[in-house]
N, C-alpha and C. Protein backbone atom coordinates (compact mmCIF):
# COMPACT_ATOMS: atom_id res chain seq x y z
N MET A 1 -17.95 38.48 -19.58
CA MET A 1 -17.43 39.18 -18.50
C MET A 1 -16.17 39.25 -18.54
N ALA A 2 -15.67 40.15 -17.38
CA ALA A 2 -14.13 40.33 -17.09
C ALA A 2 -13.81 39.34 -15.98
N LYS A 3 -12.21 39.48 -16.34
CA LYS A 3 -11.72 38.49 -15.39
C LYS A 3 -11.07 39.00 -14.14
N ILE A 4 -11.50 38.83 -12.76
CA ILE A 4 -10.93 39.97 -11.73
C ILE A 4 -10.19 39.02 -10.70
N LEU A 5 -9.10 39.26 -10.32
CA LEU A 5 -8.20 39.20 -9.34
C LEU A 5 -8.59 39.74 -8.04
N ILE A 6 -8.97 39.12 -6.77
CA ILE A 6 -9.18 39.28 -5.59
C ILE A 6 -8.05 38.97 -4.72
N VAL A 7 -6.78 39.95 -4.22
CA VAL A 7 -5.93 39.79 -3.44
C VAL A 7 -6.77 40.27 -1.62
N ASP A 8 -6.55 39.06 -1.21
CA ASP A 8 -7.03 39.19 0.52
C ASP A 8 -6.50 37.91 1.45
N ASP A 9 -6.07 38.52 2.55
CA ASP A 9 -5.93 37.39 3.45
C ASP A 9 -6.82 36.86 4.36
N SER A 10 -8.52 36.67 3.91
CA SER A 10 -9.25 36.56 5.10
C SER A 10 -10.14 35.77 4.09
N PRO A 11 -10.14 34.50 4.63
CA PRO A 11 -10.94 33.07 3.28
C PRO A 11 -12.20 33.91 3.26
N THR A 12 -13.18 34.57 4.59
CA THR A 12 -14.14 35.02 4.40
C THR A 12 -14.49 36.59 3.33
N GLU A 13 -13.45 37.27 3.34
CA GLU A 13 -13.69 37.90 2.20
C GLU A 13 -13.42 37.35 1.09
N LEU A 14 -12.54 36.68 0.68
CA LEU A 14 -12.35 36.13 -0.33
C LEU A 14 -14.14 35.45 -1.15
N HIS A 15 -14.30 35.01 -0.19
CA HIS A 15 -15.65 34.04 -0.70
C HIS A 15 -16.93 35.24 -1.06
N VAL A 16 -16.53 36.50 0.19
CA VAL A 16 -17.76 37.38 0.12
C VAL A 16 -17.72 37.81 -1.58
N LEU A 17 -16.09 38.73 -1.75
CA LEU A 17 -16.01 39.34 -2.84
C LEU A 17 -16.50 38.37 -4.32
N ALA A 18 -15.81 36.56 -4.31
CA ALA A 18 -15.83 35.97 -5.40
C ALA A 18 -17.70 36.20 -5.37
N LYS A 19 -18.34 36.02 -4.48
CA LYS A 19 -19.66 35.26 -4.92
C LYS A 19 -20.26 37.02 -5.36
N ILE A 20 -20.31 38.32 -4.72
CA ILE A 20 -20.65 39.48 -5.37
C ILE A 20 -20.60 39.60 -6.88
N LEU A 21 -19.23 39.21 -7.47
CA LEU A 21 -18.50 39.22 -8.76
C LEU A 21 -19.03 38.16 -9.50
N GLN A 22 -19.04 37.00 -8.93
CA GLN A 22 -19.82 35.81 -10.21
C GLN A 22 -21.03 36.35 -9.78
N LYS A 23 -22.17 36.75 -8.95
CA LYS A 23 -23.00 36.91 -9.57
C LYS A 23 -23.39 37.85 -10.51
N ALA A 24 -22.26 38.81 -10.72
CA ALA A 24 -22.44 40.03 -11.70
C ALA A 24 -21.46 39.16 -13.17
N GLY A 25 -21.75 37.78 -12.55
CA GLY A 25 -21.19 37.24 -14.57
C GLY A 25 -19.65 37.41 -14.70
N HIS A 26 -18.96 37.76 -13.88
CA HIS A 26 -17.38 37.94 -13.69
C HIS A 26 -16.80 36.47 -13.17
N GLU A 27 -15.44 36.56 -13.81
CA GLU A 27 -14.47 35.45 -13.36
C GLU A 27 -13.74 36.02 -12.33
N ALA A 28 -13.87 35.15 -10.80
CA ALA A 28 -13.13 35.39 -10.14
C ALA A 28 -12.21 34.59 -9.79
N LEU A 29 -10.82 35.35 -9.27
CA LEU A 29 -9.83 34.25 -9.42
C LEU A 29 -9.35 34.87 -7.52
N THR A 30 -8.44 34.49 -7.49
CA THR A 30 -7.72 35.00 -5.84
C THR A 30 -6.50 34.39 -5.38
N ALA A 31 -5.99 35.35 -4.64
CA ALA A 31 -4.91 35.47 -3.90
C ALA A 31 -4.69 35.73 -2.70
N SER A 32 -3.77 34.91 -1.76
CA SER A 32 -4.08 34.97 -0.31
C SER A 32 -2.96 36.26 0.41
N ASP A 33 -2.58 36.53 -0.38
CA ASP A 33 -1.51 37.58 -0.12
C ASP A 33 -1.06 38.41 -0.91
N GLY A 34 0.04 39.35 -0.60
CA GLY A 34 0.40 40.40 -1.70
C GLY A 34 1.31 39.42 -2.45
N GLU A 35 2.41 39.30 -2.25
CA GLU A 35 3.36 38.21 -3.20
C GLU A 35 2.43 37.37 -4.26
N ALA A 36 1.74 36.49 -3.54
CA ALA A 36 0.52 35.51 -4.33
C ALA A 36 -0.04 36.57 -5.27
N GLY A 37 -0.82 37.57 -5.34
CA GLY A 37 -0.95 38.57 -6.08
C GLY A 37 -0.62 39.20 -7.33
N ILE A 38 0.92 39.55 -6.96
CA ILE A 38 1.54 39.78 -7.74
C ILE A 38 2.45 38.93 -8.85
N ALA A 39 2.09 37.51 -8.54
CA ALA A 39 2.60 36.39 -9.29
C ALA A 39 1.37 36.04 -9.92
N ALA A 40 0.08 36.29 -9.06
CA ALA A 40 -1.05 35.49 -10.27
C ALA A 40 -1.42 36.50 -11.53
N ALA A 41 -0.99 38.03 -10.91
CA ALA A 41 -1.15 39.33 -11.91
C ALA A 41 -0.40 39.10 -13.20
N LYS A 42 0.87 38.55 -13.20
CA LYS A 42 1.62 38.27 -14.08
C LYS A 42 1.03 37.02 -14.34
N ALA A 43 0.57 35.89 -14.14
CA ALA A 43 0.27 34.77 -14.59
C ALA A 43 -0.81 34.82 -15.56
N LYS A 44 -1.41 35.26 -14.71
CA LYS A 44 -2.85 35.03 -15.53
C LYS A 44 -3.70 36.49 -16.01
N THR A 45 -3.23 37.55 -16.00
CA THR A 45 -3.49 38.56 -16.22
C THR A 45 -4.58 39.36 -16.26
N PRO A 46 -5.49 39.42 -15.39
CA PRO A 46 -6.90 39.67 -14.76
C PRO A 46 -6.93 41.16 -15.51
N ASP A 47 -8.16 41.23 -15.86
CA ASP A 47 -9.25 42.80 -16.26
C ASP A 47 -9.11 43.86 -15.27
N ALA A 48 -8.90 43.13 -13.78
CA ALA A 48 -8.77 44.43 -12.86
C ALA A 48 -8.45 43.42 -11.56
N ILE A 49 -7.39 44.30 -10.58
CA ILE A 49 -7.74 43.73 -9.16
C ILE A 49 -8.42 44.29 -8.08
N LEU A 50 -9.16 43.41 -7.47
CA LEU A 50 -9.27 43.85 -5.74
C LEU A 50 -8.21 43.35 -4.85
N MET A 51 -8.04 44.60 -4.02
CA MET A 51 -6.15 44.81 -3.07
C MET A 51 -6.52 44.92 -1.89
N ASP A 52 -6.60 44.16 -1.22
CA ASP A 52 -6.75 44.21 0.53
C ASP A 52 -5.16 45.33 0.70
N VAL A 53 -5.71 45.82 2.07
CA VAL A 53 -4.03 46.44 2.27
C VAL A 53 -3.43 45.66 2.95
N VAL A 54 -4.28 45.44 4.44
CA VAL A 54 -3.55 44.60 5.47
C VAL A 54 -3.19 42.97 5.25
N MET A 55 -2.37 43.20 4.96
CA MET A 55 -2.06 41.27 4.65
C MET A 55 -0.53 41.16 5.36
N PRO A 56 -0.27 39.86 5.65
CA PRO A 56 1.25 39.46 5.89
C PRO A 56 2.42 39.79 5.08
N GLY A 57 3.82 39.61 4.93
CA GLY A 57 4.32 40.22 3.92
C GLY A 57 4.45 41.31 2.94
N ILE A 58 3.73 41.46 2.38
CA ILE A 58 4.15 42.57 1.05
C ILE A 58 2.61 43.42 1.22
N ASN A 59 2.56 44.10 2.07
CA ASN A 59 1.18 44.61 2.13
C ASN A 59 0.37 45.22 0.39
N GLY A 60 -0.78 45.89 0.35
CA GLY A 60 -1.69 46.17 -0.08
C GLY A 60 -0.94 47.06 -1.11
N PHE A 61 -0.21 48.04 -0.20
CA PHE A 61 -0.36 49.14 -0.85
C PHE A 61 1.47 49.23 -1.78
N GLN A 62 2.22 48.05 -1.23
CA GLN A 62 3.60 47.93 -1.56
C GLN A 62 3.24 46.95 -3.35
N ALA A 63 1.97 46.08 -2.96
CA ALA A 63 1.96 45.16 -3.85
C ALA A 63 1.03 46.02 -5.05
N THR A 64 0.41 46.94 -4.77
CA THR A 64 -0.34 47.84 -5.73
C THR A 64 0.90 48.23 -6.62
N ARG A 65 1.53 49.33 -5.70
CA ARG A 65 2.82 49.93 -6.39
C ARG A 65 3.88 49.15 -6.89
N LYS A 66 4.31 47.61 -6.98
CA LYS A 66 5.09 46.94 -7.94
C LYS A 66 4.07 46.56 -8.72
N LEU A 67 2.86 46.51 -9.28
CA LEU A 67 1.99 45.94 -10.19
C LEU A 67 1.89 47.29 -11.06
N SER A 68 1.89 48.56 -10.51
CA SER A 68 1.79 49.58 -11.49
C SER A 68 2.89 49.85 -11.93
N ARG A 69 4.44 49.84 -11.60
CA ARG A 69 5.43 50.17 -12.17
C ARG A 69 5.72 48.98 -12.72
N ASP A 70 5.47 48.04 -13.17
CA ASP A 70 5.44 46.68 -13.66
C ASP A 70 5.57 46.66 -14.67
N PRO A 71 6.22 46.66 -16.33
CA PRO A 71 5.57 47.08 -17.39
C PRO A 71 4.73 45.77 -17.95
N ILE A 72 4.82 44.53 -17.50
CA ILE A 72 3.82 43.25 -17.47
C ILE A 72 2.37 43.72 -17.31
N THR A 73 2.33 44.60 -15.73
CA THR A 73 0.88 44.90 -15.14
C THR A 73 0.42 45.96 -15.13
N GLN A 74 1.17 46.87 -15.33
CA GLN A 74 0.85 48.38 -15.38
C GLN A 74 -0.73 48.40 -15.73
N HIS A 75 -1.04 47.86 -16.93
CA HIS A 75 -2.32 48.38 -17.39
C HIS A 75 -3.27 47.93 -16.86
N ILE A 76 -3.23 46.83 -15.83
CA ILE A 76 -4.49 46.23 -14.94
C ILE A 76 -4.76 47.35 -14.15
N PRO A 77 -6.07 47.04 -13.69
CA PRO A 77 -6.77 48.45 -12.75
C PRO A 77 -6.86 48.11 -11.66
N VAL A 78 -6.05 48.70 -10.49
CA VAL A 78 -6.37 48.00 -9.20
C VAL A 78 -7.81 48.92 -8.20
N LEU A 79 -8.09 48.30 -7.69
CA LEU A 79 -9.18 48.76 -6.29
C LEU A 79 -8.65 48.43 -5.32
N MET A 80 -8.28 49.38 -4.46
CA MET A 80 -8.09 49.38 -3.14
C MET A 80 -9.01 48.67 -2.39
N VAL A 81 -9.44 47.42 -1.65
CA VAL A 81 -11.01 46.97 -0.82
C VAL A 81 -10.34 46.70 0.60
N THR A 82 -10.29 47.83 1.31
CA THR A 82 -9.54 47.89 2.55
C THR A 82 -10.07 48.27 3.98
N THR A 83 -10.33 47.60 5.22
CA THR A 83 -10.60 48.61 6.28
C THR A 83 -10.24 49.64 6.85
N LYS A 84 -9.20 50.01 6.17
CA LYS A 84 -8.30 51.61 6.57
C LYS A 84 -9.15 52.43 5.65
N ASP A 85 -9.94 53.83 6.26
CA ASP A 85 -10.85 54.23 6.24
C ASP A 85 -10.51 55.23 6.49
N GLN A 86 -8.91 56.14 6.68
CA GLN A 86 -8.50 57.13 6.30
C GLN A 86 -8.06 58.05 5.14
N GLU A 87 -8.67 59.30 5.60
CA GLU A 87 -8.45 59.76 4.08
C GLU A 87 -7.12 59.38 3.50
N THR A 88 -6.06 59.59 4.18
CA THR A 88 -4.89 59.52 4.33
C THR A 88 -4.14 58.13 3.93
N ASP A 89 -4.80 57.44 4.01
CA ASP A 89 -4.69 55.88 3.42
C ASP A 89 -5.35 55.60 2.14
N ARG A 90 -6.33 56.16 1.95
CA ARG A 90 -6.75 56.60 0.59
C ARG A 90 -5.67 57.16 -0.14
N GLU A 91 -5.68 58.75 0.12
CA GLU A 91 -4.48 59.11 -0.82
C GLU A 91 -3.20 58.40 -1.35
N TRP A 92 -2.65 57.72 0.28
CA TRP A 92 -1.73 56.96 -0.05
C TRP A 92 -1.81 55.99 -1.19
N GLY A 93 -2.79 55.20 -1.36
CA GLY A 93 -3.48 53.98 -2.21
C GLY A 93 -3.26 54.44 -3.52
N LEU A 94 -4.12 55.50 -3.60
CA LEU A 94 -3.90 56.17 -5.24
C LEU A 94 -2.72 56.57 -5.94
N ARG A 95 -2.06 57.14 -4.69
CA ARG A 95 -0.22 57.45 -5.31
C ARG A 95 0.37 56.40 -5.43
N GLN A 96 -0.11 55.47 -4.82
CA GLN A 96 0.59 54.01 -5.15
C GLN A 96 0.53 53.40 -6.22
N GLY A 97 -0.68 53.91 -7.32
CA GLY A 97 -1.40 53.18 -9.09
C GLY A 97 -2.65 52.93 -8.68
N ALA A 98 -3.10 53.14 -7.36
CA ALA A 98 -4.76 52.08 -7.23
C ALA A 98 -5.69 53.18 -8.30
N LYS A 99 -6.89 52.65 -8.66
CA LYS A 99 -7.61 53.22 -9.46
C LYS A 99 -8.99 53.86 -9.02
N GLY A 100 -9.00 53.56 -7.48
CA GLY A 100 -10.24 53.20 -6.75
C GLY A 100 -9.90 52.65 -5.15
N TYR A 101 -10.94 53.50 -4.39
CA TYR A 101 -10.29 53.10 -3.21
C TYR A 101 -12.04 52.95 -2.36
N LEU A 102 -11.81 51.35 -2.35
CA LEU A 102 -13.56 50.88 -1.49
C LEU A 102 -12.83 50.89 0.22
N VAL A 103 -13.93 50.92 1.21
CA VAL A 103 -13.72 50.71 2.57
C VAL A 103 -14.99 49.50 2.50
N LYS A 104 -13.93 48.92 3.35
CA LYS A 104 -14.94 47.31 4.02
C LYS A 104 -15.64 47.70 5.28
N PRO A 105 -16.99 47.17 5.60
CA PRO A 105 -17.65 46.23 4.08
C PRO A 105 -18.26 46.43 2.95
N VAL A 106 -17.81 45.90 1.72
CA VAL A 106 -18.21 46.09 0.49
C VAL A 106 -19.85 46.29 0.05
N ASP A 107 -20.51 47.43 -0.15
CA ASP A 107 -22.02 47.20 -0.29
C ASP A 107 -21.36 46.62 -1.95
N GLY A 108 -22.32 45.87 -2.33
CA GLY A 108 -22.34 44.76 -3.58
C GLY A 108 -22.24 46.02 -4.72
N PRO A 109 -23.49 46.73 -5.08
CA PRO A 109 -24.06 47.65 -6.05
C PRO A 109 -22.15 48.55 -6.37
N ASP A 110 -21.82 49.47 -5.08
CA ASP A 110 -20.96 50.34 -5.14
C ASP A 110 -19.58 49.65 -5.52
N LEU A 111 -19.39 48.72 -5.46
CA LEU A 111 -18.06 47.30 -5.69
C LEU A 111 -18.38 47.47 -7.44
N LEU A 112 -19.54 46.99 -7.34
CA LEU A 112 -19.74 46.32 -9.13
C LEU A 112 -19.14 47.66 -9.80
N GLN A 113 -20.33 49.16 -9.49
CA GLN A 113 -19.88 50.24 -10.08
C GLN A 113 -18.55 50.52 -10.29
N LYS A 114 -17.96 50.73 -9.21
CA LYS A 114 -16.56 51.16 -9.20
C LYS A 114 -15.62 50.10 -10.56
N LEU A 115 -15.72 48.96 -10.12
CA LEU A 115 -15.19 47.80 -10.87
C LEU A 115 -15.81 48.52 -12.66
N ASN A 116 -16.81 48.62 -12.67
CA ASN A 116 -17.51 48.81 -14.17
C ASN A 116 -16.57 50.27 -14.85
N GLU A 117 -16.32 51.47 -13.19
CA GLU A 117 -15.81 52.40 -13.96
C GLU A 117 -13.85 52.33 -14.08
N VAL A 118 -13.48 51.70 -14.15
CA VAL A 118 -12.04 51.33 -14.10
C VAL A 118 -12.08 50.47 -15.28
N LEU A 119 -13.30 49.59 -15.86
CA LEU A 119 -12.83 48.21 -16.28
C LEU A 119 -13.40 49.09 -17.98
N ASN A 120 -14.15 50.29 -18.08
CA ASN A 120 -14.23 50.97 -18.98
C ASN A 120 -13.66 52.21 -19.44
């Protein structure tokens, strides 16, 4: 199965998302902020990234933009997973390079379906 990096500053969200991924047979890697997420993406080359938006330091939009413009990480699909539910937020996330946008709380089957879409 796939190696998925979860970037979120909430320990609870990291746990919940990792559990969903692991139950589906994926390997879950975690990072607690945008800076750590960028470093982990470069070091561990995951198959996909689940990116929160609201985080201290570099937010998810900025981290996604950096990842999608870096030759080392630009091939890794990023799914935004956030509480920001406005259409303008979704559009902005996609403009930064995200391949999908999910609003928390995330439904497990929806997350896995979106993930399968970006992995294939």
